[in-house]
Amino acid sequence: MEKYSSNSGKVNGTNSFWEDLKSGHFASMIKESSKGNALSNAQEVCNIMKPFFARHDDIEKMYCIFLDAKNKILKIEKLFSGTIATAAVYPREIVKKVIELKSTAVILSHNHPSGNITPSSSDFAITARIQAALTSIEVALHDHLIIGKDFYSFAEHGFLEKTKQKYQDFISASIIEN
């Protein structure tokens, strides 16, 4: 393990912690070592995902954590990236990856380069669309985190439960009408 110094930036010619963080070195380590491990809350997800956003922190990116039936990590993958203020996100691409990996649950995380974690109307809309797409194939969306200076959890704020109920009400109403 390399040694790090908080004041000089370099110790014995090795990279500083900050340089390794910005290079994506830690993100690669997390990807490899996370397989088969479980996450139990939004804070843990934030802690795991924050290094993924350190490199190119001026670009909005969305990562998906794909989970198996026991909620163990199958894979962490960046699926979308964009500009400083937006990223085009396509639910069908998430569904394709879920099917490829045989995933039964997903956790989404994306960054706000501004550091402001307040969800935009687009954040709410895409979260609802992704949840509907996943629910329709019996895959759970456990959470969607916005990571900035802190984090915002759609699950902890009750949004995912509300949209899941609306989806179920819609399906029930459609069945009754026919």
N, C-alpha and C. Protein backbone atom coordinates (compact mmCIF):
# COMPACT_ATOMS: atom_id res chain seq x y z
N MET A 1 0.85 -1.19 0.00
CA MET A 1 0.00 0.00 0.00
C MET A 1 0.88 1.24 0.00
N GLU A 2 0.54 2.20 -0.84
CA GLU A 2 1.31 3.43 -0.92
C GLU A 2 1.06 4.31 0.30
N LYS A 3 2.06 5.10 0.64
CA LYS A 3 1.91 6.05 1.74
C LYS A 3 1.45 7.38 1.19
N TYR A 4 0.63 8.06 1.96
CA TYR A 4 0.13 9.36 1.55
C TYR A 4 0.47 10.41 2.59
N SER A 5 0.67 11.60 2.12
CA SER A 5 0.97 12.72 2.99
C SER A 5 -0.09 13.79 2.79
N SER A 6 -0.60 14.34 3.84
CA SER A 6 -1.64 15.35 3.72
C SER A 6 -1.10 16.74 3.39
N ASN A 7 0.20 16.97 3.56
CA ASN A 7 0.69 18.32 3.31
C ASN A 7 1.64 18.43 2.13
N SER A 8 2.48 17.46 1.88
CA SER A 8 3.46 17.59 0.80
C SER A 8 2.92 17.15 -0.54
N GLY A 9 1.91 16.27 -0.56
CA GLY A 9 1.37 15.77 -1.81
C GLY A 9 2.12 14.56 -2.33
N LYS A 10 3.39 14.40 -1.98
CA LYS A 10 4.17 13.25 -2.44
C LYS A 10 4.99 12.70 -1.28
N VAL A 11 5.10 11.40 -1.24
CA VAL A 11 5.95 10.74 -0.27
C VAL A 11 6.78 9.73 -1.04
N ASN A 12 8.08 9.84 -0.96
CA ASN A 12 8.99 8.90 -1.65
C ASN A 12 8.65 8.73 -3.12
N GLY A 13 8.27 9.79 -3.81
CA GLY A 13 8.00 9.74 -5.24
C GLY A 13 6.68 9.10 -5.63
N THR A 14 5.84 8.75 -4.69
CA THR A 14 4.56 8.13 -5.03
C THR A 14 3.50 9.20 -5.21
N ASN A 15 2.43 8.86 -5.90
CA ASN A 15 1.33 9.80 -6.12
C ASN A 15 0.64 10.15 -4.82
N SER A 16 0.12 11.35 -4.77
CA SER A 16 -0.63 11.75 -3.59
C SER A 16 -2.01 11.11 -3.62
N PHE A 17 -2.63 11.08 -2.51
CA PHE A 17 -3.99 10.55 -2.41
C PHE A 17 -4.90 11.27 -3.40
N TRP A 18 -4.83 12.58 -3.46
CA TRP A 18 -5.70 13.37 -4.34
C TRP A 18 -5.47 13.01 -5.81
N GLU A 19 -4.21 12.87 -6.21
CA GLU A 19 -3.92 12.50 -7.60
C GLU A 19 -4.48 11.13 -7.94
N ASP A 20 -4.35 10.17 -7.01
CA ASP A 20 -4.92 8.84 -7.23
C ASP A 20 -6.44 8.90 -7.31
N LEU A 21 -7.03 9.71 -6.45
CA LEU A 21 -8.49 9.84 -6.46
C LEU A 21 -8.95 10.42 -7.79
N LYS A 22 -8.33 11.50 -8.22
CA LYS A 22 -8.72 12.16 -9.47
C LYS A 22 -8.42 11.30 -10.71
N SER A 23 -7.45 10.42 -10.61
CA SER A 23 -7.08 9.58 -11.76
C SER A 23 -8.07 8.46 -12.02
N GLY A 24 -8.91 8.17 -11.04
CA GLY A 24 -9.83 7.05 -11.19
C GLY A 24 -9.28 5.76 -10.62
N HIS A 25 -8.08 5.82 -10.04
CA HIS A 25 -7.44 4.63 -9.46
C HIS A 25 -8.35 3.97 -8.41
N PHE A 26 -8.91 4.76 -7.53
CA PHE A 26 -9.75 4.20 -6.47
C PHE A 26 -11.06 3.67 -7.03
N ALA A 27 -11.60 4.33 -8.04
CA ALA A 27 -12.83 3.85 -8.66
C ALA A 27 -12.62 2.46 -9.25
N SER A 28 -11.47 2.24 -9.89
CA SER A 28 -11.15 0.92 -10.44
C SER A 28 -11.05 -0.12 -9.33
N MET A 29 -10.40 0.25 -8.24
CA MET A 29 -10.27 -0.66 -7.11
C MET A 29 -11.64 -1.01 -6.53
N ILE A 30 -12.51 -0.01 -6.43
CA ILE A 30 -13.85 -0.23 -5.88
C ILE A 30 -14.64 -1.16 -6.78
N LYS A 31 -14.57 -0.94 -8.10
CA LYS A 31 -15.29 -1.80 -9.05
C LYS A 31 -14.91 -3.25 -8.84
N GLU A 32 -13.62 -3.51 -8.75
CA GLU A 32 -13.15 -4.90 -8.62
C GLU A 32 -13.48 -5.50 -7.25
N SER A 33 -13.28 -4.74 -6.19
CA SER A 33 -13.47 -5.31 -4.85
C SER A 33 -14.92 -5.32 -4.39
N SER A 34 -15.81 -4.62 -5.09
CA SER A 34 -17.21 -4.54 -4.66
C SER A 34 -18.03 -5.77 -5.03
N LYS A 35 -17.61 -6.51 -6.03
CA LYS A 35 -18.38 -7.67 -6.50
C LYS A 35 -18.63 -8.64 -5.36
N GLY A 36 -19.90 -9.00 -5.18
CA GLY A 36 -20.28 -9.96 -4.14
C GLY A 36 -20.57 -9.34 -2.79
N ASN A 37 -20.35 -8.04 -2.65
CA ASN A 37 -20.63 -7.36 -1.38
C ASN A 37 -22.00 -6.70 -1.42
N ALA A 38 -22.57 -6.50 -0.26
CA ALA A 38 -23.89 -5.88 -0.16
C ALA A 38 -23.77 -4.46 0.38
N LEU A 39 -24.73 -3.63 0.02
CA LEU A 39 -24.85 -2.27 0.55
C LEU A 39 -26.15 -2.21 1.34
N SER A 40 -26.11 -1.57 2.51
CA SER A 40 -27.30 -1.61 3.36
C SER A 40 -28.01 -0.27 3.53
N ASN A 41 -27.40 0.83 3.08
CA ASN A 41 -28.09 2.11 3.23
C ASN A 41 -27.50 3.14 2.27
N ALA A 42 -28.18 4.26 2.16
CA ALA A 42 -27.80 5.31 1.21
C ALA A 42 -26.42 5.90 1.53
N GLN A 43 -26.07 6.02 2.79
CA GLN A 43 -24.76 6.56 3.15
C GLN A 43 -23.65 5.65 2.63
N GLU A 44 -23.83 4.33 2.75
CA GLU A 44 -22.84 3.40 2.23
C GLU A 44 -22.72 3.54 0.71
N VAL A 45 -23.84 3.68 0.02
CA VAL A 45 -23.82 3.85 -1.43
C VAL A 45 -23.04 5.13 -1.78
N CYS A 46 -23.32 6.20 -1.07
CA CYS A 46 -22.60 7.47 -1.31
C CYS A 46 -21.11 7.29 -1.10
N ASN A 47 -20.73 6.64 -0.02
CA ASN A 47 -19.31 6.43 0.29
C ASN A 47 -18.62 5.63 -0.81
N ILE A 48 -19.30 4.62 -1.33
CA ILE A 48 -18.74 3.79 -2.38
C ILE A 48 -18.66 4.56 -3.70
N MET A 49 -19.68 5.34 -4.00
CA MET A 49 -19.78 5.97 -5.32
C MET A 49 -19.03 7.30 -5.45
N LYS A 50 -18.79 7.99 -4.36
CA LYS A 50 -18.15 9.32 -4.45
C LYS A 50 -16.85 9.32 -5.25
N PRO A 51 -15.95 8.34 -5.08
CA PRO A 51 -14.72 8.36 -5.88
C PRO A 51 -14.95 8.25 -7.39
N PHE A 52 -16.06 7.67 -7.81
CA PHE A 52 -16.36 7.56 -9.23
C PHE A 52 -16.58 8.93 -9.88
N PHE A 53 -16.99 9.89 -9.07
CA PHE A 53 -17.29 11.21 -9.60
C PHE A 53 -16.12 12.19 -9.46
N ALA A 54 -15.02 11.75 -8.86
CA ALA A 54 -13.88 12.65 -8.65
C ALA A 54 -13.17 12.98 -9.97
N ARG A 55 -13.07 12.00 -10.83
CA ARG A 55 -12.42 12.23 -12.14
C ARG A 55 -13.42 12.90 -13.07
N HIS A 56 -12.99 13.94 -13.73
CA HIS A 56 -13.87 14.72 -14.61
C HIS A 56 -15.11 15.17 -13.84
N ASP A 57 -14.88 15.82 -12.71
CA ASP A 57 -15.97 16.21 -11.83
C ASP A 57 -16.81 17.37 -12.37
N ASP A 58 -16.50 17.84 -13.57
CA ASP A 58 -17.29 18.90 -14.19
C ASP A 58 -18.29 18.35 -15.21
N ILE A 59 -18.43 17.02 -15.25
CA ILE A 59 -19.35 16.37 -16.18
C ILE A 59 -20.35 15.55 -15.38
N GLU A 60 -21.63 15.69 -15.72
CA GLU A 60 -22.65 14.89 -15.06
C GLU A 60 -22.58 13.46 -15.60
N LYS A 61 -22.56 12.50 -14.67
CA LYS A 61 -22.48 11.09 -15.02
C LYS A 61 -23.49 10.29 -14.21
N MET A 62 -23.98 9.20 -14.80
CA MET A 62 -24.87 8.30 -14.07
C MET A 62 -24.26 6.91 -14.06
N TYR A 63 -24.17 6.37 -12.86
CA TYR A 63 -23.70 5.00 -12.65
C TYR A 63 -24.85 4.14 -12.16
N CYS A 64 -24.79 2.87 -12.51
CA CYS A 64 -25.76 1.90 -12.02
C CYS A 64 -25.01 0.83 -11.23
N ILE A 65 -25.57 0.49 -10.10
CA ILE A 65 -25.08 -0.64 -9.32
C ILE A 65 -26.09 -1.75 -9.54
N PHE A 66 -25.65 -2.84 -10.17
CA PHE A 66 -26.52 -3.96 -10.47
C PHE A 66 -26.37 -5.00 -9.38
N LEU A 67 -27.50 -5.46 -8.85
CA LEU A 67 -27.51 -6.37 -7.71
C LEU A 67 -28.15 -7.70 -8.08
N ASP A 68 -27.75 -8.75 -7.38
CA ASP A 68 -28.36 -10.07 -7.58
C ASP A 68 -29.54 -10.25 -6.64
N ALA A 69 -30.10 -11.46 -6.60
CA ALA A 69 -31.28 -11.75 -5.79
C ALA A 69 -31.03 -11.60 -4.29
N LYS A 70 -29.77 -11.67 -3.88
CA LYS A 70 -29.42 -11.50 -2.46
C LYS A 70 -28.90 -10.08 -2.19
N ASN A 71 -29.15 -9.17 -3.14
CA ASN A 71 -28.71 -7.77 -3.04
C ASN A 71 -27.20 -7.63 -2.93
N LYS A 72 -26.48 -8.54 -3.56
CA LYS A 72 -25.02 -8.44 -3.62
C LYS A 72 -24.65 -7.82 -4.96
N ILE A 73 -23.59 -7.04 -4.96
CA ILE A 73 -23.18 -6.31 -6.16
C ILE A 73 -22.67 -7.26 -7.23
N LEU A 74 -23.29 -7.16 -8.40
CA LEU A 74 -22.82 -7.87 -9.59
C LEU A 74 -21.81 -7.02 -10.35
N LYS A 75 -22.17 -5.73 -10.47
CA LYS A 75 -21.33 -4.83 -11.27
C LYS A 75 -21.70 -3.39 -10.98
N ILE A 76 -20.71 -2.52 -11.04
CA ILE A 76 -20.93 -1.07 -11.00
C ILE A 76 -20.48 -0.56 -12.36
N GLU A 77 -21.36 0.16 -13.03
CA GLU A 77 -21.01 0.60 -14.38
C GLU A 77 -21.55 1.98 -14.68
N LYS A 78 -20.70 2.79 -15.34
CA LYS A 78 -21.16 4.09 -15.83
C LYS A 78 -21.90 3.85 -17.13
N LEU A 79 -23.16 4.26 -17.17
CA LEU A 79 -23.95 4.07 -18.38
C LEU A 79 -24.15 5.34 -19.17
N PHE A 80 -24.10 6.49 -18.50
CA PHE A 80 -24.39 7.74 -19.18
C PHE A 80 -23.48 8.85 -18.67
N SER A 81 -23.11 9.75 -19.57
CA SER A 81 -22.41 10.97 -19.17
C SER A 81 -22.83 12.07 -20.11
N GLY A 82 -22.65 13.30 -19.67
CA GLY A 82 -23.14 14.42 -20.47
C GLY A 82 -22.29 15.65 -20.34
N THR A 83 -22.95 16.74 -19.96
CA THR A 83 -22.29 18.04 -19.84
C THR A 83 -22.26 18.45 -18.38
N ILE A 84 -21.96 19.68 -18.14
CA ILE A 84 -21.90 20.18 -16.76
C ILE A 84 -23.27 20.19 -16.08
N ALA A 85 -24.33 20.24 -16.86
CA ALA A 85 -25.66 20.39 -16.25
C ALA A 85 -26.64 19.26 -16.58
N THR A 86 -26.27 18.35 -17.47
CA THR A 86 -27.24 17.32 -17.85
C THR A 86 -26.55 16.11 -18.46
N ALA A 87 -27.23 14.99 -18.41
CA ALA A 87 -26.79 13.78 -19.09
C ALA A 87 -28.02 13.11 -19.67
N ALA A 88 -27.95 12.69 -20.92
CA ALA A 88 -29.05 11.96 -21.54
C ALA A 88 -29.07 10.55 -20.95
N VAL A 89 -30.23 10.15 -20.42
CA VAL A 89 -30.38 8.86 -19.78
C VAL A 89 -31.50 8.11 -20.48
N TYR A 90 -31.24 6.86 -20.83
CA TYR A 90 -32.21 6.04 -21.56
C TYR A 90 -32.56 4.80 -20.75
N PRO A 91 -33.78 4.72 -20.22
CA PRO A 91 -34.18 3.55 -19.43
C PRO A 91 -33.96 2.22 -20.15
N ARG A 92 -34.15 2.19 -21.47
CA ARG A 92 -33.98 0.93 -22.20
C ARG A 92 -32.57 0.39 -22.08
N GLU A 93 -31.57 1.29 -21.99
CA GLU A 93 -30.18 0.84 -21.85
C GLU A 93 -29.95 0.20 -20.49
N ILE A 94 -30.60 0.72 -19.47
CA ILE A 94 -30.52 0.12 -18.14
C ILE A 94 -31.17 -1.25 -18.16
N VAL A 95 -32.35 -1.35 -18.79
CA VAL A 95 -33.05 -2.63 -18.89
C VAL A 95 -32.20 -3.66 -19.64
N LYS A 96 -31.55 -3.25 -20.74
CA LYS A 96 -30.69 -4.16 -21.49
C LYS A 96 -29.57 -4.71 -20.61
N LYS A 97 -28.96 -3.84 -19.81
CA LYS A 97 -27.87 -4.25 -18.94
C LYS A 97 -28.37 -5.17 -17.82
N VAL A 98 -29.55 -4.86 -17.28
CA VAL A 98 -30.16 -5.70 -16.24
C VAL A 98 -30.35 -7.12 -16.77
N ILE A 99 -30.87 -7.22 -17.98
CA ILE A 99 -31.12 -8.54 -18.57
C ILE A 99 -29.79 -9.26 -18.84
N GLU A 100 -28.82 -8.54 -19.37
CA GLU A 100 -27.50 -9.13 -19.64
C GLU A 100 -26.87 -9.70 -18.38
N LEU A 101 -26.96 -8.95 -17.28
CA LEU A 101 -26.31 -9.36 -16.02
C LEU A 101 -27.19 -10.25 -15.15
N LYS A 102 -28.45 -10.43 -15.57
CA LYS A 102 -29.43 -11.20 -14.76
C LYS A 102 -29.60 -10.56 -13.38
N SER A 103 -29.64 -9.25 -13.38
CA SER A 103 -29.78 -8.48 -12.15
C SER A 103 -31.25 -8.46 -11.71
N THR A 104 -31.46 -8.45 -10.40
CA THR A 104 -32.83 -8.38 -9.86
C THR A 104 -33.12 -7.05 -9.18
N ALA A 105 -32.11 -6.22 -9.05
CA ALA A 105 -32.30 -4.91 -8.43
C ALA A 105 -31.19 -3.96 -8.90
N VAL A 106 -31.50 -2.66 -8.82
CA VAL A 106 -30.57 -1.63 -9.28
C VAL A 106 -30.56 -0.48 -8.28
N ILE A 107 -29.40 0.12 -8.13
CA ILE A 107 -29.25 1.39 -7.42
C ILE A 107 -28.61 2.35 -8.41
N LEU A 108 -29.22 3.50 -8.59
CA LEU A 108 -28.69 4.52 -9.48
C LEU A 108 -27.95 5.57 -8.67
N SER A 109 -26.94 6.15 -9.26
CA SER A 109 -26.32 7.33 -8.64
C SER A 109 -25.81 8.23 -9.76
N HIS A 110 -26.03 9.50 -9.57
CA HIS A 110 -25.46 10.46 -10.51
C HIS A 110 -25.01 11.68 -9.73
N ASN A 111 -24.13 12.43 -10.36
CA ASN A 111 -23.58 13.60 -9.69
C ASN A 111 -24.21 14.87 -10.23
N HIS A 112 -24.14 15.89 -9.42
CA HIS A 112 -24.42 17.26 -9.84
C HIS A 112 -23.11 18.01 -9.70
N PRO A 113 -22.43 18.31 -10.82
CA PRO A 113 -21.13 18.98 -10.73
C PRO A 113 -21.14 20.27 -9.93
N SER A 114 -22.30 20.93 -9.84
CA SER A 114 -22.40 22.17 -9.05
C SER A 114 -22.25 21.90 -7.55
N GLY A 115 -22.46 20.65 -7.15
CA GLY A 115 -22.44 20.30 -5.73
C GLY A 115 -23.81 20.40 -5.09
N ASN A 116 -24.75 21.06 -5.74
CA ASN A 116 -26.12 21.19 -5.23
C ASN A 116 -26.86 19.88 -5.45
N ILE A 117 -27.34 19.27 -4.38
CA ILE A 117 -27.98 17.95 -4.48
C ILE A 117 -29.49 18.01 -4.64
N THR A 118 -30.05 19.19 -4.78
CA THR A 118 -31.50 19.31 -4.97
C THR A 118 -31.88 18.71 -6.32
N PRO A 119 -32.82 17.75 -6.32
CA PRO A 119 -33.22 17.14 -7.59
C PRO A 119 -33.95 18.14 -8.48
N SER A 120 -33.67 18.06 -9.77
CA SER A 120 -34.39 18.87 -10.75
C SER A 120 -35.67 18.14 -11.16
N SER A 121 -36.54 18.82 -11.88
CA SER A 121 -37.75 18.14 -12.37
C SER A 121 -37.35 17.01 -13.31
N SER A 122 -36.26 17.18 -14.06
CA SER A 122 -35.77 16.11 -14.93
C SER A 122 -35.29 14.91 -14.13
N ASP A 123 -34.67 15.15 -12.97
CA ASP A 123 -34.23 14.05 -12.10
C ASP A 123 -35.42 13.23 -11.63
N PHE A 124 -36.48 13.92 -11.21
CA PHE A 124 -37.68 13.20 -10.77
C PHE A 124 -38.30 12.42 -11.93
N ALA A 125 -38.38 13.06 -13.10
CA ALA A 125 -39.02 12.42 -14.26
C ALA A 125 -38.25 11.18 -14.71
N ILE A 126 -36.94 11.26 -14.82
CA ILE A 126 -36.18 10.10 -15.29
C ILE A 126 -36.19 8.99 -14.26
N THR A 127 -36.20 9.34 -12.99
CA THR A 127 -36.27 8.32 -11.94
C THR A 127 -37.59 7.57 -12.04
N ALA A 128 -38.69 8.27 -12.24
CA ALA A 128 -40.00 7.63 -12.39
C ALA A 128 -40.03 6.74 -13.64
N ARG A 129 -39.45 7.22 -14.74
CA ARG A 129 -39.43 6.42 -15.98
C ARG A 129 -38.59 5.16 -15.81
N ILE A 130 -37.45 5.29 -15.17
CA ILE A 130 -36.60 4.12 -14.94
C ILE A 130 -37.30 3.14 -14.01
N GLN A 131 -37.92 3.66 -12.97
CA GLN A 131 -38.62 2.77 -12.04
C GLN A 131 -39.75 2.03 -12.74
N ALA A 132 -40.51 2.70 -13.59
CA ALA A 132 -41.59 2.04 -14.33
C ALA A 132 -41.03 0.96 -15.25
N ALA A 133 -39.94 1.27 -15.95
CA ALA A 133 -39.33 0.29 -16.86
C ALA A 133 -38.84 -0.94 -16.09
N LEU A 134 -38.19 -0.72 -14.95
CA LEU A 134 -37.68 -1.84 -14.16
C LEU A 134 -38.81 -2.63 -13.51
N THR A 135 -39.79 -1.94 -12.98
CA THR A 135 -40.92 -2.61 -12.34
C THR A 135 -41.66 -3.50 -13.34
N SER A 136 -41.75 -3.04 -14.57
CA SER A 136 -42.47 -3.81 -15.59
C SER A 136 -41.79 -5.14 -15.90
N ILE A 137 -40.50 -5.28 -15.59
CA ILE A 137 -39.81 -6.55 -15.79
C ILE A 137 -39.45 -7.19 -14.44
N GLU A 138 -40.11 -6.75 -13.39
CA GLU A 138 -39.97 -7.30 -12.04
C GLU A 138 -38.55 -7.17 -11.48
N VAL A 139 -37.98 -5.99 -11.70
CA VAL A 139 -36.67 -5.64 -11.14
C VAL A 139 -36.88 -4.43 -10.24
N ALA A 140 -36.31 -4.48 -9.05
CA ALA A 140 -36.49 -3.41 -8.07
C ALA A 140 -35.49 -2.27 -8.29
N LEU A 141 -35.98 -1.06 -8.13
CA LEU A 141 -35.09 0.11 -8.05
C LEU A 141 -35.00 0.45 -6.57
N HIS A 142 -33.89 0.09 -5.94
CA HIS A 142 -33.74 0.30 -4.50
C HIS A 142 -33.53 1.76 -4.13
N ASP A 143 -32.80 2.49 -4.96
CA ASP A 143 -32.55 3.89 -4.65
C ASP A 143 -31.97 4.59 -5.86
N HIS A 144 -32.01 5.89 -5.81
CA HIS A 144 -31.34 6.76 -6.78
C HIS A 144 -30.74 7.88 -5.94
N LEU A 145 -29.43 7.99 -5.98
CA LEU A 145 -28.73 9.02 -5.22
C LEU A 145 -28.20 10.11 -6.14
N ILE A 146 -28.35 11.34 -5.70
CA ILE A 146 -27.66 12.45 -6.33
C ILE A 146 -26.50 12.79 -5.41
N ILE A 147 -25.31 12.80 -5.97
CA ILE A 147 -24.11 13.03 -5.16
C ILE A 147 -23.49 14.36 -5.56
N GLY A 148 -23.28 15.18 -4.56
CA GLY A 148 -22.64 16.48 -4.72
C GLY A 148 -21.80 16.71 -3.49
N LYS A 149 -22.02 17.86 -2.85
CA LYS A 149 -21.31 18.11 -1.59
C LYS A 149 -21.78 17.14 -0.51
N ASP A 150 -23.01 16.71 -0.60
CA ASP A 150 -23.61 15.70 0.27
C ASP A 150 -24.31 14.73 -0.67
N PHE A 151 -25.42 14.13 -0.26
CA PHE A 151 -26.18 13.30 -1.17
C PHE A 151 -27.68 13.43 -0.89
N TYR A 152 -28.45 13.14 -1.91
CA TYR A 152 -29.91 13.11 -1.82
C TYR A 152 -30.34 11.71 -2.22
N SER A 153 -31.17 11.08 -1.39
CA SER A 153 -31.69 9.74 -1.65
C SER A 153 -33.18 9.81 -1.97
N PHE A 154 -33.54 9.39 -3.18
CA PHE A 154 -34.95 9.36 -3.57
C PHE A 154 -35.73 8.38 -2.69
N ALA A 155 -35.10 7.28 -2.28
CA ALA A 155 -35.78 6.31 -1.41
C ALA A 155 -36.04 6.91 -0.03
N GLU A 156 -35.03 7.53 0.56
CA GLU A 156 -35.19 8.10 1.90
C GLU A 156 -36.21 9.23 1.94
N HIS A 157 -36.40 9.91 0.81
CA HIS A 157 -37.39 10.98 0.73
C HIS A 157 -38.77 10.48 0.29
N GLY A 158 -38.94 9.17 0.14
CA GLY A 158 -40.25 8.58 -0.14
C GLY A 158 -40.69 8.61 -1.59
N PHE A 159 -39.87 9.16 -2.48
CA PHE A 159 -40.28 9.29 -3.88
C PHE A 159 -40.47 7.93 -4.56
N LEU A 160 -39.57 7.00 -4.32
CA LEU A 160 -39.66 5.69 -4.99
C LEU A 160 -40.90 4.93 -4.55
N GLU A 161 -41.24 5.01 -3.29
CA GLU A 161 -42.45 4.33 -2.81
C GLU A 161 -43.70 4.93 -3.44
N LYS A 162 -43.74 6.25 -3.55
CA LYS A 162 -44.90 6.92 -4.17
C LYS A 162 -45.05 6.54 -5.64
N THR A 163 -43.95 6.57 -6.38
CA THR A 163 -44.04 6.24 -7.81
C THR A 163 -44.34 4.77 -8.03
N LYS A 164 -43.85 3.91 -7.17
CA LYS A 164 -44.16 2.47 -7.28
C LYS A 164 -45.66 2.26 -7.06
N GLN A 165 -46.21 2.94 -6.07
CA GLN A 165 -47.65 2.81 -5.79
C GLN A 165 -48.48 3.34 -6.97
N LYS A 166 -48.07 4.45 -7.55
CA LYS A 166 -48.79 5.00 -8.72
C LYS A 166 -48.74 4.03 -9.89
N TYR A 167 -47.59 3.40 -10.09
CA TYR A 167 -47.46 2.41 -11.16
C TYR A 167 -48.40 1.23 -10.91
N GLN A 168 -48.41 0.74 -9.69
CA GLN A 168 -49.28 -0.40 -9.35
C GLN A 168 -50.75 -0.02 -9.48
N ASP A 169 -51.12 1.19 -9.08
CA ASP A 169 -52.50 1.67 -9.25
C ASP A 169 -52.87 1.74 -10.72
N PHE A 170 -51.97 2.22 -11.55
CA PHE A 170 -52.21 2.31 -12.99
C PHE A 170 -52.43 0.93 -13.59
N ILE A 171 -51.59 -0.02 -13.23
CA ILE A 171 -51.72 -1.39 -13.75
C ILE A 171 -53.03 -2.01 -13.28
N SER A 172 -53.35 -1.82 -12.00
CA SER A 172 -54.61 -2.35 -11.46
C SER A 172 -55.81 -1.77 -12.17
N ALA A 173 -55.80 -0.46 -12.40
CA ALA A 173 -56.90 0.21 -13.08
C ALA A 173 -57.03 -0.28 -14.53
N SER A 174 -55.90 -0.54 -15.18
CA SER A 174 -55.92 -1.03 -16.55
C SER A 174 -56.53 -2.42 -16.63
N ILE A 175 -56.25 -3.27 -15.65
CA ILE A 175 -56.77 -4.62 -15.63
C ILE A 175 -58.29 -4.59 -15.37
N ILE A 176 -58.72 -3.75 -14.44
CA ILE A 176 -60.14 -3.65 -14.09
C ILE A 176 -60.95 -3.15 -15.29
N GLU A 177 -60.41 -2.18 -16.03
CA GLU A 177 -61.13 -1.60 -17.17
C GLU A 177 -61.33 -2.62 -18.27
N ASN A 178 -60.44 -3.57 -18.40
CA ASN A 178 -60.54 -4.56 -19.48
C ASN A 178 -61.36 -5.70 -18.99
